[in-house]
Amino acid sequence: DSADVVLVKSDPSDVIRFIDIAKATTKKMIENLWWGAGYNLIA
């Protein structure tokens, strides 16, 4: 309950998987921010 992420399988190597997913997620966030803000820049 104090953590931000829980490794359900209790396998610390899943930390690597989380980091990789986080990088892909952040990339999508930035793309979406450009799409969302880009509308405003034009509109």
All heavy atoms as atom14 arrays in JSON, in Angstrom:
{
  "sequence": "DSADVVLVKSDPSDVIRFIDIAKATTKKMIENLWWGAGYNLIA",
  "atom14_mask": [
    [1, 1, 1, 1, 1, 1, 1, 1, 0, 0, 0, 0, 0, 0],
    [1, 1, 1, 1, 1, 1, 0, 0, 0, 0, 0, 0, 0, 0],
    [1, 1, 1, 1, 1, 0, 0, 0, 0, 0, 0, 0, 0, 0],
    [1, 1, 1, 1, 1, 1, 1, 1, 0, 0, 0, 0, 0, 0],
    [1, 1, 1, 1, 1, 1, 1, 0, 0, 0, 0, 0, 0, 0],
    [1, 1, 1, 1, 1, 1, 1, 0, 0, 0, 0, 0, 0, 0],
    [1, 1, 1, 1, 1, 1, 1, 1, 0, 0, 0, 0, 0, 0],
    [1, 1, 1, 1, 1, 1, 1, 0, 0, 0, 0, 0, 0, 0],
    [1, 1, 1, 1, 1, 1, 1, 1, 1, 0, 0, 0, 0, 0],
    [1, 1, 1, 1, 1, 1, 0, 0, 0, 0, 0, 0, 0, 0],
    [1, 1, 1, 1, 1, 1, 1, 1, 0, 0, 0, 0, 0, 0],
    [1, 1, 1, 1, 1, 1, 1, 0, 0, 0, 0, 0, 0, 0],
    [1, 1, 1, 1, 1, 1, 0, 0, 0, 0, 0, 0, 0, 0],
    [1, 1, 1, 1, 1, 1, 1, 1, 0, 0, 0, 0, 0, 0],
    [1, 1, 1, 1, 1, 1, 1, 0, 0, 0, 0, 0, 0, 0],
    [1, 1, 1, 1, 1, 1, 1, 1, 0, 0, 0, 0, 0, 0],
    [1, 1, 1, 1, 1, 1, 1, 1, 1, 1, 1, 0, 0, 0],
    [1, 1, 1, 1, 1, 1, 1, 1, 1, 1, 1, 0, 0, 0],
    [1, 1, 1, 1, 1, 1, 1, 1, 0, 0, 0, 0, 0, 0],
    [1, 1, 1, 1, 1, 1, 1, 1, 0, 0, 0, 0, 0, 0],
    [1, 1, 1, 1, 1, 1, 1, 1, 0, 0, 0, 0, 0, 0],
    [1, 1, 1, 1, 1, 0, 0, 0, 0, 0, 0, 0, 0, 0],
    [1, 1, 1, 1, 1, 1, 1, 1, 1, 0, 0, 0, 0, 0],
    [1, 1, 1, 1, 1, 0, 0, 0, 0, 0, 0, 0, 0, 0],
    [1, 1, 1, 1, 1, 1, 1, 0, 0, 0, 0, 0, 0, 0],
    [1, 1, 1, 1, 1, 1, 1, 0, 0, 0, 0, 0, 0, 0],
    [1, 1, 1, 1, 1, 1, 1, 1, 1, 0, 0, 0, 0, 0],
    [1, 1, 1, 1, 1, 1, 1, 1, 1, 0, 0, 0, 0, 0],
    [1, 1, 1, 1, 1, 1, 1, 1, 0, 0, 0, 0, 0, 0],
    [1, 1, 1, 1, 1, 1, 1, 1, 0, 0, 0, 0, 0, 0],
    [1, 1, 1, 1, 1, 1, 1, 1, 1, 0, 0, 0, 0, 0],
    [1, 1, 1, 1, 1, 1, 1, 1, 0, 0, 0, 0, 0, 0],
    [1, 1, 1, 1, 1, 1, 1, 1, 0, 0, 0, 0, 0, 0],
    [1, 1, 1, 1, 1, 1, 1, 1, 1, 1, 1, 1, 1, 1],
    [1, 1, 1, 1, 1, 1, 1, 1, 1, 1, 1, 1, 1, 1],
    [1, 1, 1, 1, 0, 0, 0, 0, 0, 0, 0, 0, 0, 0],
    [1, 1, 1, 1, 1, 0, 0, 0, 0, 0, 0, 0, 0, 0],
    [1, 1, 1, 1, 0, 0, 0, 0, 0, 0, 0, 0, 0, 0],
    [1, 1, 1, 1, 1, 1, 1, 1, 1, 1, 1, 1, 0, 0],
    [1, 1, 1, 1, 1, 1, 1, 1, 0, 0, 0, 0, 0, 0],
    [1, 1, 1, 1, 1, 1, 1, 1, 0, 0, 0, 0, 0, 0],
    [1, 1, 1, 1, 1, 1, 1, 1, 0, 0, 0, 0, 0, 0],
    [1, 1, 1, 1, 1, 0, 0, 0, 0, 0, 0, 0, 0, 0]
  ],
  "atom14_positions": [
    [[0.81, -1.21, 0.0], [0.0, 0.0, 0.0], [0.85, 1.27, 0.0], [0.33, 2.36, -0.23], [-0.95, 0.0, 1.2], [-2.09, -0.99, 1.03], [-2.39, -1.31, -0.12], [-2.65, -1.44, 2.03], [0.0, 0.0, 0.0], [0.0, 0.0, 0.0], [0.0, 0.0, 0.0], [0.0, 0.0, 0.0], [0.0, 0.0, 0.0], [0.0, 0.0, 0.0]],
    [[2.13, 1.15, 0.28], [3.02, 2.31, 0.25], [3.69, 2.45, -1.11], [4.38, 3.44, -1.36], [4.11, 2.17, 1.33], [3.54, 2.08, 2.6], [0.0, 0.0, 0.0], [0.0, 0.0, 0.0], [0.0, 0.0, 0.0], [0.0, 0.0, 0.0], [0.0, 0.0, 0.0], [0.0, 0.0, 0.0], [0.0, 0.0, 0.0], [0.0, 0.0, 0.0]],
    [[3.5, 1.47, -1.98], [4.23, 1.42, -3.25], [3.43, 2.03, -4.38], [2.21, 2.19, -4.31], [4.6, -0.03, -3.58], [0.0, 0.0, 0.0], [0.0, 0.0, 0.0], [0.0, 0.0, 0.0], [0.0, 0.0, 0.0], [0.0, 0.0, 0.0], [0.0, 0.0, 0.0], [0.0, 0.0, 0.0], [0.0, 0.0, 0.0], [0.0, 0.0, 0.0]],
    [[4.14, 2.37, -5.46], [3.52, 2.87, -6.68], [3.24, 1.72, -7.64], [2.32, 1.78, -8.45], [4.44, 3.88, -7.36], [4.8, 5.03, -6.45], [3.88, 5.67, -5.93], [6.0, 5.27, -6.24], [0.0, 0.0, 0.0], [0.0, 0.0, 0.0], [0.0, 0.0, 0.0], [0.0, 0.0, 0.0], [0.0, 0.0, 0.0], [0.0, 0.0, 0.0]],
    [[4.06, 0.68, -7.55], [3.95, -0.48, -8.44], [4.07, -1.75, -7.61], [4.9, -1.81, -6.69], [5.06, -0.46, -9.53], [4.9, -1.64, -10.49], [5.04, 0.85, -10.29], [0.0, 0.0, 0.0], [0.0, 0.0, 0.0], [0.0, 0.0, 0.0], [0.0, 0.0, 0.0], [0.0, 0.0, 0.0], [0.0, 0.0, 0.0], [0.0, 0.0, 0.0]],
    [[3.25, -2.75, -7.91], [3.32, -4.03, -7.22], [3.67, -5.11, -8.23], [3.02, -5.22, -9.28], [1.98, -4.37, -6.54], [2.06, -5.73, -5.86], [1.61, -3.3, -5.52], [0.0, 0.0, 0.0], [0.0, 0.0, 0.0], [0.0, 0.0, 0.0], [0.0, 0.0, 0.0], [0.0, 0.0, 0.0], [0.0, 0.0, 0.0], [0.0, 0.0, 0.0]],
    [[4.69, -5.9, -7.92], [5.07, -7.04, -8.76], [4.25, -8.24, -8.31], [4.59, -8.92, -7.35], [6.57, -7.33, -8.63], [7.51, -6.13, -8.86], [8.96, -6.59, -8.77], [7.24, -5.47, -10.2], [0.0, 0.0, 0.0], [0.0, 0.0, 0.0], [0.0, 0.0, 0.0], [0.0, 0.0, 0.0], [0.0, 0.0, 0.0], [0.0, 0.0, 0.0]],
    [[3.16, -8.51, -9.01], [2.21, -9.53, -8.59], [2.87, -10.9, -8.52], [2.56, -11.71, -7.64], [1.01, -9.56, -9.56], [0.04, -10.66, -9.17], [0.31, -8.21, -9.56], [0.0, 0.0, 0.0], [0.0, 0.0, 0.0], [0.0, 0.0, 0.0], [0.0, 0.0, 0.0], [0.0, 0.0, 0.0], [0.0, 0.0, 0.0], [0.0, 0.0, 0.0]],
    [[3.79, -11.18, -9.43], [4.43, -12.49, -9.47], [5.61, -12.6, -8.5], [6.27, -13.63, -8.45], [4.94, -12.78, -10.89], [3.83, -12.82, -11.94], [4.41, -13.03, -13.33], [3.32, -13.01, -14.39], [3.89, -13.14, -15.77], [0.0, 0.0, 0.0], [0.0, 0.0, 0.0], [0.0, 0.0, 0.0], [0.0, 0.0, 0.0], [0.0, 0.0, 0.0]],
    [[5.85, -11.54, -7.74], [6.95, -11.51, -6.76], [8.3, -11.79, -7.41], [9.2, -12.34, -6.78], [6.68, -12.52, -5.64], [5.5, -12.21, -4.95], [0.0, 0.0, 0.0], [0.0, 0.0, 0.0], [0.0, 0.0, 0.0], [0.0, 0.0, 0.0], [0.0, 0.0, 0.0], [0.0, 0.0, 0.0], [0.0, 0.0, 0.0], [0.0, 0.0, 0.0]],
    [[8.43, -11.39, -8.66], [9.68, -11.59, -9.39], [10.33, -10.23, -9.64], [9.81, -9.43, -10.42], [9.39, -12.29, -10.72], [10.66, -12.63, -11.48], [11.76, -12.23, -11.03], [10.56, -13.29, -12.53], [0.0, 0.0, 0.0], [0.0, 0.0, 0.0], [0.0, 0.0, 0.0], [0.0, 0.0, 0.0], [0.0, 0.0, 0.0], [0.0, 0.0, 0.0]],
    [[11.46, -9.94, -8.98], [12.09, -8.62, -9.15], [12.52, -8.33, -10.58], [12.66, -7.16, -10.95], [13.29, -8.67, -8.19], [13.53, -10.11, -7.93], [12.2, -10.79, -8.03], [0.0, 0.0, 0.0], [0.0, 0.0, 0.0], [0.0, 0.0, 0.0], [0.0, 0.0, 0.0], [0.0, 0.0, 0.0], [0.0, 0.0, 0.0], [0.0, 0.0, 0.0]],
    [[12.72, -9.37, -11.38], [13.11, -9.13, -12.77], [11.99, -8.45, -13.56], [12.23, -7.88, -14.63], [13.5, -10.44, -13.46], [12.42, -11.33, -13.52], [0.0, 0.0, 0.0], [0.0, 0.0, 0.0], [0.0, 0.0, 0.0], [0.0, 0.0, 0.0], [0.0, 0.0, 0.0], [0.0, 0.0, 0.0], [0.0, 0.0, 0.0], [0.0, 0.0, 0.0]],
    [[10.76, -8.47, -13.01], [9.66, -7.75, -13.66], [9.86, -6.24, -13.59], [9.15, -5.5, -14.28], [8.33, -8.12, -13.0], [7.81, -9.47, -13.47], [8.28, -9.96, -14.51], [6.94, -10.05, -12.79], [0.0, 0.0, 0.0], [0.0, 0.0, 0.0], [0.0, 0.0, 0.0], [0.0, 0.0, 0.0], [0.0, 0.0, 0.0], [0.0, 0.0, 0.0]],
    [[10.8, -5.8, -12.77], [11.14, -4.37, -12.73], [11.61, -3.92, -14.11], [11.27, -2.82, -14.57], [12.23, -4.09, -11.67], [12.73, -2.65, -11.78], [11.7, -4.37, -10.27], [0.0, 0.0, 0.0], [0.0, 0.0, 0.0], [0.0, 0.0, 0.0], [0.0, 0.0, 0.0], [0.0, 0.0, 0.0], [0.0, 0.0, 0.0], [0.0, 0.0, 0.0]],
    [[12.37, -4.77, -14.79], [12.86, -4.45, -16.14], [11.68, -4.3, -17.09], [11.63, -3.36, -17.89], [13.81, -5.55, -16.64], [15.0, -5.7, -15.68], [14.27, -5.24, -18.05], [15.86, -4.48, -15.57], [0.0, 0.0, 0.0], [0.0, 0.0, 0.0], [0.0, 0.0, 0.0], [0.0, 0.0, 0.0], [0.0, 0.0, 0.0], [0.0, 0.0, 0.0]],
    [[10.7, -5.21, -16.98], [9.53, -5.13, -17.84], [8.75, -3.84, -17.57], [8.27, -3.19, -18.5], [8.63, -6.35, -17.62], [7.39, -6.37, -18.53], [6.58, -7.64, -18.36], [7.28, -8.79, -18.89], [7.81, -9.75, -18.15], [7.74, -9.68, -16.83], [8.43, -10.77, -18.7], [0.0, 0.0, 0.0], [0.0, 0.0, 0.0], [0.0, 0.0, 0.0]],
    [[8.66, -3.48, -16.31], [7.96, -2.24, -15.96], [8.66, -1.03, -16.56], [8.0, -0.12, -17.1], [7.86, -2.08, -14.45], [7.43, -0.71, -14.01], [6.15, -0.25, -14.27], [8.32, 0.14, -13.36], [5.75, 1.02, -13.89], [7.94, 1.41, -12.98], [6.65, 1.85, -13.25], [0.0, 0.0, 0.0], [0.0, 0.0, 0.0], [0.0, 0.0, 0.0]],
    [[9.97, -0.98, -16.48], [10.72, 0.15, -17.03], [10.5, 0.24, -18.54], [10.3, 1.34, -19.09], [12.22, 0.0, -16.71], [12.44, 0.17, -15.2], [13.05, 1.03, -17.48], [13.86, -0.11, -14.75], [0.0, 0.0, 0.0], [0.0, 0.0, 0.0], [0.0, 0.0, 0.0], [0.0, 0.0, 0.0], [0.0, 0.0, 0.0], [0.0, 0.0, 0.0]],
    [[10.51, -0.9, -19.23], [10.29, -0.9, -20.68], [8.89, -0.43, -21.03], [8.69, 0.36, -21.98], [10.54, -2.3, -21.25], [12.01, -2.71, -21.15], [12.86, -1.82, -20.99], [12.29, -3.93, -21.24], [0.0, 0.0, 0.0], [0.0, 0.0, 0.0], [0.0, 0.0, 0.0], [0.0, 0.0, 0.0], [0.0, 0.0, 0.0], [0.0, 0.0, 0.0]],
    [[7.88, -0.91, -20.28], [6.51, -0.47, -20.53], [6.37, 1.02, -20.23], [5.68, 1.76, -20.94], [5.52, -1.28, -19.67], [5.46, -2.73, -20.16], [4.12, -0.67, -19.72], [4.58, -3.64, -19.32], [0.0, 0.0, 0.0], [0.0, 0.0, 0.0], [0.0, 0.0, 0.0], [0.0, 0.0, 0.0], [0.0, 0.0, 0.0], [0.0, 0.0, 0.0]],
    [[7.04, 1.47, -19.16], [6.97, 2.88, -18.79], [7.53, 3.77, -19.9], [6.98, 4.84, -20.2], [7.74, 3.11, -17.49], [0.0, 0.0, 0.0], [0.0, 0.0, 0.0], [0.0, 0.0, 0.0], [0.0, 0.0, 0.0], [0.0, 0.0, 0.0], [0.0, 0.0, 0.0], [0.0, 0.0, 0.0], [0.0, 0.0, 0.0], [0.0, 0.0, 0.0]],
    [[8.62, 3.34, -20.52], [9.21, 4.13, -21.61], [8.26, 4.2, -22.8], [8.08, 5.28, -23.4], [10.55, 3.52, -22.02], [11.66, 3.73, -20.98], [12.97, 3.14, -21.46], [14.08, 3.41, -20.42], [15.38, 2.83, -20.85], [0.0, 0.0, 0.0], [0.0, 0.0, 0.0], [0.0, 0.0, 0.0], [0.0, 0.0, 0.0], [0.0, 0.0, 0.0]],
    [[7.64, 3.07, -23.14], [6.69, 3.06, -24.25], [5.48, 3.92, -23.92], [4.94, 4.64, -24.78], [6.26, 1.63, -24.56], [0.0, 0.0, 0.0], [0.0, 0.0, 0.0], [0.0, 0.0, 0.0], [0.0, 0.0, 0.0], [0.0, 0.0, 0.0], [0.0, 0.0, 0.0], [0.0, 0.0, 0.0], [0.0, 0.0, 0.0], [0.0, 0.0, 0.0]],
    [[5.03, 3.86, -22.66], [3.88, 4.64, -22.22], [4.17, 6.14, -22.28], [3.35, 6.94, -22.76], [3.48, 4.25, -20.79], [3.13, 2.87, -20.76], [2.29, 5.07, -20.31], [0.0, 0.0, 0.0], [0.0, 0.0, 0.0], [0.0, 0.0, 0.0], [0.0, 0.0, 0.0], [0.0, 0.0, 0.0], [0.0, 0.0, 0.0], [0.0, 0.0, 0.0]],
    [[5.33, 6.52, -21.79], [5.7, 7.93, -21.79], [5.8, 8.48, -23.21], [5.41, 9.63, -23.48], [7.04, 8.13, -21.06], [6.92, 7.66, -19.71], [7.45, 9.59, -21.03], [0.0, 0.0, 0.0], [0.0, 0.0, 0.0], [0.0, 0.0, 0.0], [0.0, 0.0, 0.0], [0.0, 0.0, 0.0], [0.0, 0.0, 0.0], [0.0, 0.0, 0.0]],
    [[6.29, 7.65, -24.12], [6.37, 8.06, -25.53], [4.97, 8.36, -26.07], [4.75, 9.37, -26.75], [7.03, 6.96, -26.35], [7.16, 7.3, -27.83], [7.82, 6.16, -28.6], [7.9, 6.48, -30.09], [8.48, 5.36, -30.86], [0.0, 0.0, 0.0], [0.0, 0.0, 0.0], [0.0, 0.0, 0.0], [0.0, 0.0, 0.0], [0.0, 0.0, 0.0]],
    [[4.0, 7.48, -25.73], [2.62, 7.69, -26.17], [2.02, 8.94, -25.51], [1.23, 9.67, -26.12], [1.77, 6.47, -25.86], [2.03, 5.29, -26.76], [1.65, 5.6, -28.2], [1.97, 4.44, -29.11], [1.74, 4.8, -30.55], [0.0, 0.0, 0.0], [0.0, 0.0, 0.0], [0.0, 0.0, 0.0], [0.0, 0.0, 0.0], [0.0, 0.0, 0.0]],
    [[2.36, 9.16, -24.25], [1.87, 10.35, -23.56], [2.32, 11.62, -24.29], [1.52, 12.54, -24.51], [2.4, 10.38, -22.13], [1.74, 9.41, -21.18], [2.48, 9.58, -19.53], [1.49, 8.41, -18.61], [0.0, 0.0, 0.0], [0.0, 0.0, 0.0], [0.0, 0.0, 0.0], [0.0, 0.0, 0.0], [0.0, 0.0, 0.0], [0.0, 0.0, 0.0]],
    [[3.59, 11.66, -24.64], [4.13, 12.84, -25.31], [3.46, 13.03, -26.67], [3.1, 14.15, -27.06], [5.65, 12.71, -25.46], [6.32, 12.72, -24.07], [6.21, 13.84, -26.33], [7.8, 12.43, -24.1], [0.0, 0.0, 0.0], [0.0, 0.0, 0.0], [0.0, 0.0, 0.0], [0.0, 0.0, 0.0], [0.0, 0.0, 0.0], [0.0, 0.0, 0.0]],
    [[3.29, 11.92, -27.41], [2.6, 12.01, -28.7], [1.18, 12.55, -28.53], [0.74, 13.41, -29.29], [2.55, 10.62, -29.35], [3.9, 10.11, -29.82], [3.84, 8.68, -30.31], [2.74, 8.07, -30.25], [4.88, 8.15, -30.74], [0.0, 0.0, 0.0], [0.0, 0.0, 0.0], [0.0, 0.0, 0.0], [0.0, 0.0, 0.0], [0.0, 0.0, 0.0]],
    [[0.46, 12.04, -27.52], [-0.91, 12.5, -27.3], [-0.97, 13.96, -26.86], [-1.92, 14.68, -27.19], [-1.6, 11.6, -26.28], [-2.34, 10.45, -26.93], [-2.19, 10.22, -28.13], [-3.12, 9.71, -26.17], [0.0, 0.0, 0.0], [0.0, 0.0, 0.0], [0.0, 0.0, 0.0], [0.0, 0.0, 0.0], [0.0, 0.0, 0.0], [0.0, 0.0, 0.0]],
    [[0.03, 14.36, -26.08], [0.06, 15.76, -25.67], [0.24, 16.68, -26.88], [-0.35, 17.75, -26.96], [1.19, 15.99, -24.66], [0.92, 15.49, -23.24], [2.15, 15.67, -22.37], [-0.26, 16.25, -22.62], [0.0, 0.0, 0.0], [0.0, 0.0, 0.0], [0.0, 0.0, 0.0], [0.0, 0.0, 0.0], [0.0, 0.0, 0.0], [0.0, 0.0, 0.0]],
    [[1.05, 16.24, -27.84], [1.24, 17.03, -29.05], [-0.05, 17.07, -29.88], [-0.4, 18.11, -30.43], [2.39, 16.48, -29.89], [3.72, 17.01, -29.45], [4.72, 16.34, -28.8], [4.18, 18.34, -29.62], [5.77, 17.17, -28.54], [5.48, 18.42, -29.04], [3.64, 19.5, -30.19], [6.23, 19.59, -29.03], [4.4, 20.67, -30.18], [5.67, 20.7, -29.61]],
    [[-0.73, 15.91, -29.94], [-2.01, 15.9, -30.66], [-3.03, 16.81, -29.97], [-3.75, 17.56, -30.61], [-2.56, 14.48, -30.75], [-1.94, 13.63, -31.82], [-1.13, 12.55, -31.64], [-2.08, 13.81, -33.23], [-0.75, 12.04, -32.86], [-1.31, 12.8, -33.86], [-2.76, 14.74, -34.04], [-1.23, 12.68, -35.24], [-2.67, 14.61, -35.43], [-1.92, 13.59, -36.01]],
    [[-3.11, 16.69, -28.64], [-4.08, 17.48, -27.89], [-3.77, 18.96, -27.92], [-4.65, 19.8, -28.17], [0.0, 0.0, 0.0], [0.0, 0.0, 0.0], [0.0, 0.0, 0.0], [0.0, 0.0, 0.0], [0.0, 0.0, 0.0], [0.0, 0.0, 0.0], [0.0, 0.0, 0.0], [0.0, 0.0, 0.0], [0.0, 0.0, 0.0], [0.0, 0.0, 0.0]],
    [[-2.5, 19.28, -27.67], [-2.11, 20.69, -27.65], [-2.01, 21.24, -29.07], [-2.24, 22.44, -29.3], [-0.77, 20.84, -26.93], [0.0, 0.0, 0.0], [0.0, 0.0, 0.0], [0.0, 0.0, 0.0], [0.0, 0.0, 0.0], [0.0, 0.0, 0.0], [0.0, 0.0, 0.0], [0.0, 0.0, 0.0], [0.0, 0.0, 0.0], [0.0, 0.0, 0.0]],
    [[-1.67, 20.35, -30.02], [-1.56, 20.8, -31.42], [-2.87, 21.35, -31.94], [-2.89, 22.32, -32.72], [0.0, 0.0, 0.0], [0.0, 0.0, 0.0], [0.0, 0.0, 0.0], [0.0, 0.0, 0.0], [0.0, 0.0, 0.0], [0.0, 0.0, 0.0], [0.0, 0.0, 0.0], [0.0, 0.0, 0.0], [0.0, 0.0, 0.0], [0.0, 0.0, 0.0]],
    [[-3.96, 20.73, -31.53], [-5.28, 21.25, -31.9], [-5.43, 22.7, -31.45], [-5.9, 23.56, -32.2], [-6.37, 20.37, -31.29], [-7.67, 21.1, -31.03], [-8.56, 21.34, -32.07], [-7.98, 21.57, -29.76], [-9.74, 22.03, -31.84], [-9.15, 22.26, -29.53], [-10.03, 22.49, -30.57], [-11.19, 23.18, -30.35], [0.0, 0.0, 0.0], [0.0, 0.0, 0.0]],
    [[-5.03, 22.96, -30.21], [-5.15, 24.32, -29.68], [-4.24, 25.31, -30.41], [-4.6, 26.47, -30.62], [-4.82, 24.34, -28.19], [-5.83, 23.56, -27.37], [-5.72, 22.35, -27.24], [-6.82, 24.24, -26.82], [0.0, 0.0, 0.0], [0.0, 0.0, 0.0], [0.0, 0.0, 0.0], [0.0, 0.0, 0.0], [0.0, 0.0, 0.0], [0.0, 0.0, 0.0]],
    [[-3.05, 24.83, -30.77], [-2.11, 25.71, -31.47], [-2.67, 26.18, -32.81], [-2.35, 27.28, -33.29], [-0.78, 24.97, -31.69], [0.02, 24.63, -30.43], [1.26, 23.83, -30.78], [0.4, 25.9, -29.68], [0.0, 0.0, 0.0], [0.0, 0.0, 0.0], [0.0, 0.0, 0.0], [0.0, 0.0, 0.0], [0.0, 0.0, 0.0], [0.0, 0.0, 0.0]],
    [[-3.5, 25.33, -33.43], [-4.11, 25.7, -34.71], [-5.45, 26.42, -34.5], [-5.73, 27.44, -35.13], [-4.33, 24.44, -35.58], [-2.97, 23.8, -35.92], [-5.11, 24.78, -36.84], [-3.08, 22.47, -36.62], [0.0, 0.0, 0.0], [0.0, 0.0, 0.0], [0.0, 0.0, 0.0], [0.0, 0.0, 0.0], [0.0, 0.0, 0.0], [0.0, 0.0, 0.0]],
    [[-6.26, 25.86, -33.57], [-7.63, 26.36, -33.41], [-7.7, 27.74, -32.78], [-8.54, 28.57, -33.18], [-8.45, 25.36, -32.59], [0.0, 0.0, 0.0], [0.0, 0.0, 0.0], [0.0, 0.0, 0.0], [0.0, 0.0, 0.0], [0.0, 0.0, 0.0], [0.0, 0.0, 0.0], [0.0, 0.0, 0.0], [0.0, 0.0, 0.0], [0.0, 0.0, 0.0]]
  ]
}
